[in-house]
Amino acid sequence: MIKTLIAILSITCLLPTAFATDTNAVLNAWFAAQKNVKTLSADFTQIRAFKTLTMPLTAHGHLWFAVPDKFRWELGAPPRTIALRRGNVMFVIYPLLKRAERYPMGAAAPQRLRESLSLLDAGLPRSRQAFDAQFNVLSLQQTNGAWQLAAQPKSAAARQTFPELEIVFSTNDFSLAGTELFFVDGSTMRNDFTNETLNPPLAPKLFQWQPPPGYTVTQPVP
């Protein structure tokens, strides 16, 4: 259930001394840039690739984010899946089915769910300390005007779902360009972000949801 949930979205100790000084400088600049992010609005294209399928599955959507823990992902137009978090509650909503799933967040969330969702926060880390507590940095490469950061979850339980992830951010302003998750079954999920707007005013109702009449709401056991 957790793997299904995370697939909807589109997410160490100090870096080893073997890393070059310029790598540290790039990462420190990236972390510093995140302090300027209060809200974010962006389109995204999600590409899901499976070994059993010749062609990947592609979908389009929109992301809204507000620090510290609010986000709304809408996948499809009109939305066929909405993932919405506000504080200690997250809903995954299926409008066409009139069905939703409710998940506790924060300290009440099961450990594996917290670890999996931390992968979603990786693209917009609040601090280097927070990032280093969750991930080991594997590599950093510059390609086509972007930095590609490969990382691995420190938690063994999280690695059972996501052995590795990649975060892509711009070389000029360190804005988020994409994320890619690598699953244990060999499948991948990439989110490419476009039309980003930094710190737009976001209405509180974006992160609020009450089940309309006729909806069925369940709370799956992770």
Protein backbone atom coordinates (compact mmCIF):
# COMPACT_ATOMS: atom_id res chain seq x y z
CA MET A 1 0.00 0.00 0.00
CA ILE A 2 2.84 2.41 0.82
CA LYS A 3 4.51 1.76 -2.53
CA THR A 4 1.23 2.46 -4.31
CA LEU A 5 0.80 5.68 -2.35
CA ILE A 6 4.26 7.01 -3.09
CA ALA A 7 4.00 6.05 -6.76
CA ILE A 8 1.17 8.54 -7.01
CA LEU A 9 3.50 11.42 -6.12
CA SER A 10 5.72 12.61 -7.27
CA ILE A 11 10.83 13.19 -3.22
CA THR A 12 23.59 10.83 5.98
CA CYS A 13 26.14 11.84 8.21
CA LEU A 14 28.47 14.45 6.77
CA LEU A 15 29.46 13.82 3.17
CA PRO A 16 32.43 11.45 2.88
CA THR A 17 35.79 13.19 2.86
CA ALA A 18 36.44 11.69 -0.59
CA PHE A 19 33.96 14.18 -2.06
CA ALA A 20 35.62 17.15 -3.68
CA THR A 21 35.43 20.60 -2.12
CA ASP A 22 33.43 21.95 -5.07
CA THR A 23 30.81 19.23 -4.51
CA ASN A 24 30.36 20.43 -0.97
CA ALA A 25 30.13 23.99 -2.22
CA VAL A 26 27.40 23.10 -4.73
CA LEU A 27 25.37 21.20 -2.16
CA ASN A 28 25.73 23.94 0.44
CA ALA A 29 24.53 26.50 -2.12
CA TRP A 30 21.57 24.27 -2.97
CA PHE A 31 20.60 23.92 0.70
CA ALA A 32 20.99 27.66 1.22
CA ALA A 33 18.67 28.36 -1.73
CA GLN A 34 15.93 26.25 -0.16
CA LYS A 35 15.65 28.73 2.70
CA ASN A 36 14.10 31.18 0.22
CA VAL A 37 11.33 28.73 -0.71
CA LYS A 38 8.15 29.47 1.23
CA THR A 39 5.63 28.33 -1.39
CA LEU A 40 5.94 26.74 -4.81
CA SER A 41 3.65 26.07 -7.74
CA ALA A 42 4.74 23.94 -10.70
CA ASP A 43 3.51 21.74 -13.51
CA PHE A 44 5.03 18.30 -13.81
CA THR A 45 5.18 15.38 -16.19
CA GLN A 46 5.32 12.00 -14.51
CA ILE A 47 6.91 9.10 -16.37
CA ARG A 48 6.50 5.62 -14.90
CA ALA A 49 8.64 2.90 -16.50
CA PHE A 50 8.19 -0.84 -15.89
CA LYS A 51 10.34 -3.70 -17.11
CA THR A 52 7.21 -5.50 -18.26
CA LEU A 53 6.03 -2.61 -20.48
CA THR A 54 7.64 -1.56 -23.76
CA MET A 55 6.45 2.04 -23.44
CA PRO A 56 6.45 4.02 -20.18
CA LEU A 57 3.25 5.48 -18.75
CA THR A 58 3.10 9.27 -18.93
CA ALA A 59 0.80 11.63 -17.05
CA HIS A 60 0.69 15.37 -16.39
CA GLY A 61 -0.17 17.20 -13.22
CA HIS A 62 0.40 20.13 -10.92
CA LEU A 63 2.12 20.57 -7.57
CA TRP A 64 1.52 23.18 -4.87
CA PHE A 65 3.82 23.26 -1.84
CA ALA A 66 4.00 25.40 1.29
CA VAL A 67 6.48 25.09 4.13
CA PRO A 68 6.80 23.25 6.31
CA ASP A 69 4.53 20.32 5.49
CA LYS A 70 1.71 21.26 3.11
CA PHE A 71 1.49 19.91 -0.41
CA ARG A 72 -1.08 19.11 -3.05
CA TRP A 73 -0.39 16.89 -6.06
CA GLU A 74 -3.01 16.64 -8.79
CA LEU A 75 -2.45 14.02 -11.46
CA GLY A 76 -4.47 14.22 -14.66
CA ALA A 77 -6.81 16.83 -16.11
CA PRO A 78 -9.39 16.70 -14.75
CA PRO A 79 -7.61 15.24 -11.72
CA ARG A 80 -7.98 11.50 -11.37
CA THR A 81 -5.77 11.37 -8.28
CA ILE A 82 -5.10 14.04 -5.66
CA ALA A 83 -2.62 13.70 -2.81
CA LEU A 84 -3.11 16.39 -0.20
CA ARG A 85 -1.25 16.89 3.04
CA ARG A 86 -1.84 19.44 5.74
CA GLY A 87 -0.09 18.99 9.08
CA ASN A 88 -0.65 15.56 10.55
CA VAL A 89 -3.17 14.28 8.00
CA MET A 90 -2.84 13.28 4.36
CA PHE A 91 -5.60 12.29 1.96
CA VAL A 92 -5.21 10.42 -1.31
CA ILE A 93 -8.38 11.20 -3.26
CA TYR A 94 -9.81 9.46 -6.32
CA PRO A 95 -12.52 11.85 -7.61
CA LEU A 96 -13.77 9.59 -10.39
CA LEU A 97 -14.32 6.74 -7.92
CA LYS A 98 -15.63 8.99 -5.13
CA ARG A 99 -13.16 7.32 -2.82
CA ALA A 100 -10.37 8.57 -0.57
CA GLU A 101 -7.75 7.18 1.78
CA ARG A 102 -6.74 8.92 4.99
CA TYR A 103 -3.24 8.58 6.42
CA PRO A 104 -1.94 9.89 9.76
CA MET A 105 1.23 11.95 9.50
CA GLY A 106 3.78 13.32 11.93
CA ALA A 107 4.57 11.31 15.04
CA ALA A 108 1.39 9.25 14.61
CA ALA A 109 2.44 7.93 11.20
CA PRO A 110 3.91 4.43 10.99
CA GLN A 111 7.70 4.50 10.70
CA ARG A 112 7.82 3.04 7.19
CA LEU A 113 5.30 5.59 5.93
CA ARG A 114 7.31 8.45 7.45
CA GLU A 115 10.50 7.16 5.84
CA SER A 116 8.86 6.74 2.45
CA LEU A 117 7.36 10.21 2.49
CA SER A 118 10.72 11.68 3.43
CA LEU A 119 11.77 10.82 -0.12
CA LEU A 120 9.18 13.28 -1.38
CA ASP A 121 10.69 16.02 0.77
CA ALA A 122 14.17 15.36 -0.60
CA GLY A 123 13.73 17.68 -3.59
CA LEU A 124 12.96 20.64 -1.32
CA PRO A 125 15.07 20.03 1.79
CA ARG A 126 14.71 22.47 4.66
CA SER A 127 18.34 22.13 5.75
CA ARG A 128 21.48 20.12 5.15
CA GLN A 129 21.11 18.61 8.60
CA ALA A 130 17.63 17.31 7.76
CA PHE A 131 18.80 15.90 4.43
CA ASP A 132 21.91 14.27 5.88
CA ALA A 133 19.80 12.59 8.56
CA GLN A 134 17.83 10.75 5.86
CA PHE A 135 20.20 10.15 2.94
CA ASN A 136 23.68 9.17 1.86
CA VAL A 137 24.98 11.12 -1.13
CA LEU A 138 26.23 8.81 -3.87
CA SER A 139 27.27 11.23 -6.62
CA LEU A 140 26.83 14.71 -8.05
CA GLN A 141 27.19 15.40 -11.78
CA GLN A 142 26.61 18.43 -13.98
CA THR A 143 24.74 17.86 -17.26
CA ASN A 144 22.97 20.26 -19.64
CA GLY A 145 22.70 23.15 -17.21
CA ALA A 146 21.57 21.01 -14.29
CA TRP A 147 23.06 19.20 -11.32
CA GLN A 148 22.10 15.54 -10.93
CA LEU A 149 22.31 14.38 -7.33
CA ALA A 150 22.10 10.65 -6.64
CA ALA A 151 21.26 9.64 -3.09
CA GLN A 152 20.37 6.56 -1.08
CA PRO A 153 18.03 6.34 1.94
CA LYS A 154 19.92 5.62 5.13
CA SER A 155 17.07 3.54 6.50
CA ALA A 156 17.24 -0.14 5.56
CA ALA A 157 13.43 -0.28 5.66
CA ALA A 158 13.14 2.61 3.18
CA ARG A 159 15.69 0.97 0.88
CA GLN A 160 13.39 -2.04 0.63
CA THR A 161 11.09 0.22 -1.39
CA PHE A 162 13.46 2.84 -2.84
CA PRO A 163 17.12 1.81 -3.11
CA GLU A 164 18.04 5.09 -4.79
CA LEU A 165 16.69 8.44 -5.92
CA GLU A 166 17.95 11.23 -8.13
CA ILE A 167 17.28 14.93 -7.69
CA VAL A 168 17.89 17.35 -10.55
CA PHE A 169 18.25 21.08 -9.89
CA SER A 170 19.28 24.04 -12.02
CA THR A 171 22.88 25.24 -12.02
CA ASN A 172 21.93 28.92 -12.13
CA ASP A 173 19.29 29.28 -9.40
CA PHE A 174 19.14 25.78 -7.83
CA SER A 175 15.44 25.46 -8.64
CA LEU A 176 13.99 21.95 -8.71
CA ALA A 177 13.99 20.48 -12.22
CA GLY A 178 13.12 16.86 -11.56
CA THR A 179 13.18 13.80 -9.33
CA GLU A 180 13.47 10.13 -10.13
CA LEU A 181 12.77 7.19 -7.83
CA PHE A 182 14.28 3.75 -8.44
CA PHE A 183 12.18 0.88 -7.08
CA VAL A 184 13.43 -2.53 -5.98
CA ASP A 185 11.51 -4.24 -8.80
CA GLY A 186 13.51 -2.33 -11.39
CA SER A 187 10.76 0.16 -12.24
CA THR A 188 11.30 3.91 -12.08
CA MET A 189 9.19 7.02 -11.62
CA ARG A 190 10.42 10.37 -12.91
CA ASN A 191 8.85 13.77 -12.35
CA ASP A 192 9.98 16.62 -14.63
CA PHE A 193 8.96 20.07 -13.36
CA THR A 194 8.15 23.08 -15.54
CA ASN A 195 6.48 26.51 -15.21
CA GLU A 196 7.68 26.88 -11.63
CA THR A 197 6.56 29.91 -9.67
CA LEU A 198 8.48 30.66 -6.49
CA ASN A 199 6.60 32.00 -3.47
CA PRO A 200 3.20 32.62 -5.05
CA PRO A 201 0.28 33.38 -2.72
CA LEU A 202 -1.58 30.12 -2.11
CA ALA A 203 -5.13 30.00 -0.81
CA PRO A 204 -5.49 27.94 2.39
CA LYS A 205 -8.33 25.97 0.80
CA LEU A 206 -5.81 24.32 -1.54
CA PHE A 207 -4.66 22.19 1.38
CA GLN A 208 -8.09 21.58 2.92
CA TRP A 209 -10.51 18.82 2.02
CA GLN A 210 -13.74 17.48 3.43
CA PRO A 211 -15.34 14.37 1.90
CA PRO A 212 -18.29 15.41 -0.28
CA PRO A 213 -21.54 13.47 0.04
CA GLY A 214 -21.27 10.01 -1.46
CA TYR A 215 -17.53 9.58 -0.85
CA THR A 216 -16.11 6.52 0.89
CA VAL A 217 -13.09 7.26 3.12
CA THR A 218 -10.86 4.47 4.44
CA GLN A 219 -7.67 4.39 6.48
CA PRO A 220 -5.47 1.61 5.07
CA VAL A 221 -3.02 -0.18 7.29
CA PRO A 222 0.51 0.48 5.91
